[in-house]
Amino acid sequence: MLTKKGKHATATQKRRFTWTDIVWPLILEQNKTTFTLKQYQKQRNEICKKNNIEIISASRGLISLLNKEIIFKENYMYFIHYRLIPYMRLKSNCSYSTAVHESRVR
């Protein structure tokens, strides 16, 4: 899934993978806007094992999502941007591009 690319393309690919395969399914599964690092790591490990991906390759995606302000961290909790909450309530598919767009609109 994660292939060799340039520096910026690799970062985007990791963010996209982390969002679509780990974070968003975790949000929908819990039906909550928040999650802990432990919950994220458990989900990440399961997905990486299932898809035969090194955990190291997927580990930087969460930090990258924080930098893009798609998710935020407060104390020990991570939570999604408030403009993504309607997607969660509808249990709809929120792609990475939608998440980026919604978090950028001000």
C-alpha atoms as a PDB file:
ATOM      1  CA  MET A   1       0.000   0.000   0.000  1.00  0.00           C
ATOM      2  CA  LEU A   2       2.689   2.475   0.935  1.00  0.00           C
ATOM      3  CA  THR A   3       5.115   2.742  -1.965  1.00  0.00           C
ATOM      4  CA  LYS A   4       8.376   4.579  -2.595  1.00  0.00           C
ATOM      5  CA  LYS A   5       7.738   8.176  -3.612  1.00  0.00           C
ATOM      6  CA  GLY A   6       9.196  11.622  -3.081  1.00  0.00           C
ATOM      7  CA  LYS A   7       9.297  13.213   0.376  1.00  0.00           C
ATOM      8  CA  HIS A   8       6.080  15.231   0.057  1.00  0.00           C
ATOM      9  CA  ALA A   9       4.164  12.517  -1.756  1.00  0.00           C
ATOM     10  CA  THR A  10       5.125  10.005   0.926  1.00  0.00           C
ATOM     11  CA  ALA A  11       3.913  12.322   3.704  1.00  0.00           C
ATOM     12  CA  THR A  12       0.588  12.803   1.921  1.00  0.00           C
ATOM     13  CA  GLN A  13       0.269   9.073   1.350  1.00  0.00           C
ATOM     14  CA  LYS A  14       0.886   8.371   5.052  1.00  0.00           C
ATOM     15  CA  ARG A  15      -1.693  10.982   6.089  1.00  0.00           C
ATOM     16  CA  ARG A  16      -4.220   9.590   3.618  1.00  0.00           C
ATOM     17  CA  PHE A  17      -3.626   6.011   4.800  1.00  0.00           C
ATOM     18  CA  THR A  18      -3.790   7.000   8.470  1.00  0.00           C
ATOM     19  CA  TRP A  19      -7.013   8.948   7.965  1.00  0.00           C
ATOM     20  CA  THR A  20      -8.943   6.575   5.689  1.00  0.00           C
ATOM     21  CA  ASP A  21      -7.828   3.243   7.128  1.00  0.00           C
ATOM     22  CA  ILE A  22      -7.183   3.964  10.798  1.00  0.00           C
ATOM     23  CA  VAL A  23      -8.579   7.212  12.263  1.00  0.00           C
ATOM     24  CA  TRP A  24     -11.910   7.567  10.459  1.00  0.00           C
ATOM     25  CA  PRO A  25     -12.954   3.910  10.927  1.00  0.00           C
ATOM     26  CA  LEU A  26     -11.979   4.255  14.607  1.00  0.00           C
ATOM     27  CA  ILE A  27     -14.185   7.350  14.936  1.00  0.00           C
ATOM     28  CA  LEU A  28     -17.119   5.614  13.246  1.00  0.00           C
ATOM     29  CA  GLU A  29     -16.654   2.424  15.259  1.00  0.00           C
ATOM     30  CA  GLN A  30     -16.769   4.294  18.563  1.00  0.00           C
ATOM     31  CA  ASN A  31     -19.311   6.874  17.403  1.00  0.00           C
ATOM     32  CA  LYS A  32     -17.323   9.483  19.332  1.00  0.00           C
ATOM     33  CA  THR A  33     -15.331  12.502  18.209  1.00  0.00           C
ATOM     34  CA  THR A  34     -12.415  11.561  20.451  1.00  0.00           C
ATOM     35  CA  PHE A  35      -9.959   8.708  20.818  1.00  0.00           C
ATOM     36  CA  THR A  36      -6.890   7.950  22.901  1.00  0.00           C
ATOM     37  CA  LEU A  37      -3.402   7.153  21.705  1.00  0.00           C
ATOM     38  CA  LYS A  38      -3.833   3.594  22.976  1.00  0.00           C
ATOM     39  CA  GLN A  39      -7.014   3.143  20.907  1.00  0.00           C
ATOM     40  CA  TYR A  40      -5.247   4.554  17.853  1.00  0.00           C
ATOM     41  CA  GLN A  41      -2.231   2.263  18.322  1.00  0.00           C
ATOM     42  CA  LYS A  42      -4.439  -0.797  18.685  1.00  0.00           C
ATOM     43  CA  GLN A  43      -6.340   0.073  15.498  1.00  0.00           C
ATOM     44  CA  ARG A  44      -3.091   0.894  13.653  1.00  0.00           C
ATOM     45  CA  ASN A  45      -1.474  -2.393  14.669  1.00  0.00           C
ATOM     46  CA  GLU A  46      -4.504  -4.391  13.516  1.00  0.00           C
ATOM     47  CA  ILE A  47      -4.695  -2.618  10.153  1.00  0.00           C
ATOM     48  CA  CYS A  48      -0.946  -2.864   9.555  1.00  0.00           C
ATOM     49  CA  LYS A  49      -0.947  -6.570  10.394  1.00  0.00           C
ATOM     50  CA  LYS A  50      -3.992  -7.193   8.183  1.00  0.00           C
ATOM     51  CA  ASN A  51      -2.469  -5.308   5.215  1.00  0.00           C
ATOM     52  CA  ASN A  52       1.109  -6.517   5.827  1.00  0.00           C
ATOM     53  CA  ILE A  53       2.471  -2.973   6.337  1.00  0.00           C
ATOM     54  CA  GLU A  54       5.307  -2.058   8.661  1.00  0.00           C
ATOM     55  CA  ILE A  55       4.072  -0.139  11.697  1.00  0.00           C
ATOM     56  CA  ILE A  56       7.020   2.241  11.335  1.00  0.00           C
ATOM     57  CA  SER A  57       5.731   3.256   7.884  1.00  0.00           C
ATOM     58  CA  ALA A  58       2.331   4.177   9.303  1.00  0.00           C
ATOM     59  CA  SER A  59       3.471   5.745  12.581  1.00  0.00           C
ATOM     60  CA  ARG A  60       4.072   9.297  11.369  1.00  0.00           C
ATOM     61  CA  GLY A  61       0.618   9.727   9.842  1.00  0.00           C
ATOM     62  CA  LEU A  62      -1.023  10.781  13.114  1.00  0.00           C
ATOM     63  CA  ILE A  63       1.499  13.560  13.714  1.00  0.00           C
ATOM     64  CA  SER A  64       1.055  14.707  10.159  1.00  0.00           C
ATOM     65  CA  LEU A  65      -2.742  14.874  10.643  1.00  0.00           C
ATOM     66  CA  LEU A  66      -2.128  16.984  13.751  1.00  0.00           C
ATOM     67  CA  ASN A  67       0.069  19.346  11.751  1.00  0.00           C
ATOM     68  CA  LYS A  68      -2.623  19.672   9.074  1.00  0.00           C
ATOM     69  CA  GLU A  69      -5.167  20.463  11.849  1.00  0.00           C
ATOM     70  CA  ILE A  70      -7.527  17.671  10.810  1.00  0.00           C
ATOM     71  CA  ILE A  71      -7.244  16.291  14.330  1.00  0.00           C
ATOM     72  CA  PHE A  72      -6.229  18.012  17.541  1.00  0.00           C
ATOM     73  CA  LYS A  73      -4.704  16.857  20.801  1.00  0.00           C
ATOM     74  CA  GLU A  74      -5.682  18.008  24.233  1.00  0.00           C
ATOM     75  CA  ASN A  75      -4.099  16.302  27.235  1.00  0.00           C
ATOM     76  CA  TYR A  76      -4.340  12.580  26.433  1.00  0.00           C
ATOM     77  CA  MET A  77      -7.218  12.790  23.965  1.00  0.00           C
ATOM     78  CA  TYR A  78      -7.264  13.314  20.224  1.00  0.00           C
ATOM     79  CA  PHE A  79     -10.351  14.733  18.588  1.00  0.00           C
ATOM     80  CA  ILE A  80     -11.478  15.502  15.066  1.00  0.00           C
ATOM     81  CA  HIS A  81     -12.051  18.978  13.635  1.00  0.00           C
ATOM     82  CA  TYR A  82     -15.519  20.235  14.568  1.00  0.00           C
ATOM     83  CA  ARG A  83     -16.543  20.515  10.887  1.00  0.00           C
ATOM     84  CA  LEU A  84     -16.160  16.736  10.536  1.00  0.00           C
ATOM     85  CA  ILE A  85     -18.693  15.925  13.263  1.00  0.00           C
ATOM     86  CA  PRO A  86     -21.709  15.940  10.870  1.00  0.00           C
ATOM     87  CA  TYR A  87     -19.984  13.276   8.756  1.00  0.00           C
ATOM     88  CA  MET A  88     -19.526  11.166  11.883  1.00  0.00           C
ATOM     89  CA  ARG A  89     -23.157  11.572  12.916  1.00  0.00           C
ATOM     90  CA  LEU A  90     -24.320  10.480   9.461  1.00  0.00           C
ATOM     91  CA  LYS A  91     -21.788   7.621   9.532  1.00  0.00           C
ATOM     92  CA  SER A  92     -20.770   8.656   6.044  1.00  0.00           C
ATOM     93  CA  ASN A  93     -17.466   8.109   4.332  1.00  0.00           C
ATOM     94  CA  CYS A  94     -15.244  11.100   4.963  1.00  0.00           C
ATOM     95  CA  SER A  95     -12.320  10.850   2.582  1.00  0.00           C
ATOM     96  CA  TYR A  96      -8.986  12.449   3.283  1.00  0.00           C
ATOM     97  CA  SER A  97      -9.636  15.165   0.700  1.00  0.00           C
ATOM     98  CA  THR A  98     -12.984  15.984   2.338  1.00  0.00           C
ATOM     99  CA  ALA A  99     -11.320  16.150   5.744  1.00  0.00           C
ATOM    100  CA  VAL A 100      -8.643  18.505   4.414  1.00  0.00           C
ATOM    101  CA  HIS A 101     -11.232  20.710   2.727  1.00  0.00           C
ATOM    102  CA  GLU A 102     -13.510  20.886   5.775  1.00  0.00           C
ATOM    103  CA  SER A 103     -10.659  21.637   8.171  1.00  0.00           C
ATOM    104  CA  ARG A 104      -9.335  24.407   5.903  1.00  0.00           C
ATOM    105  CA  VAL A 105     -12.653  26.254   5.438  1.00  0.00           C
ATOM    106  CA  ARG A 106     -12.868  29.062   7.953  1.00  0.00           C
END
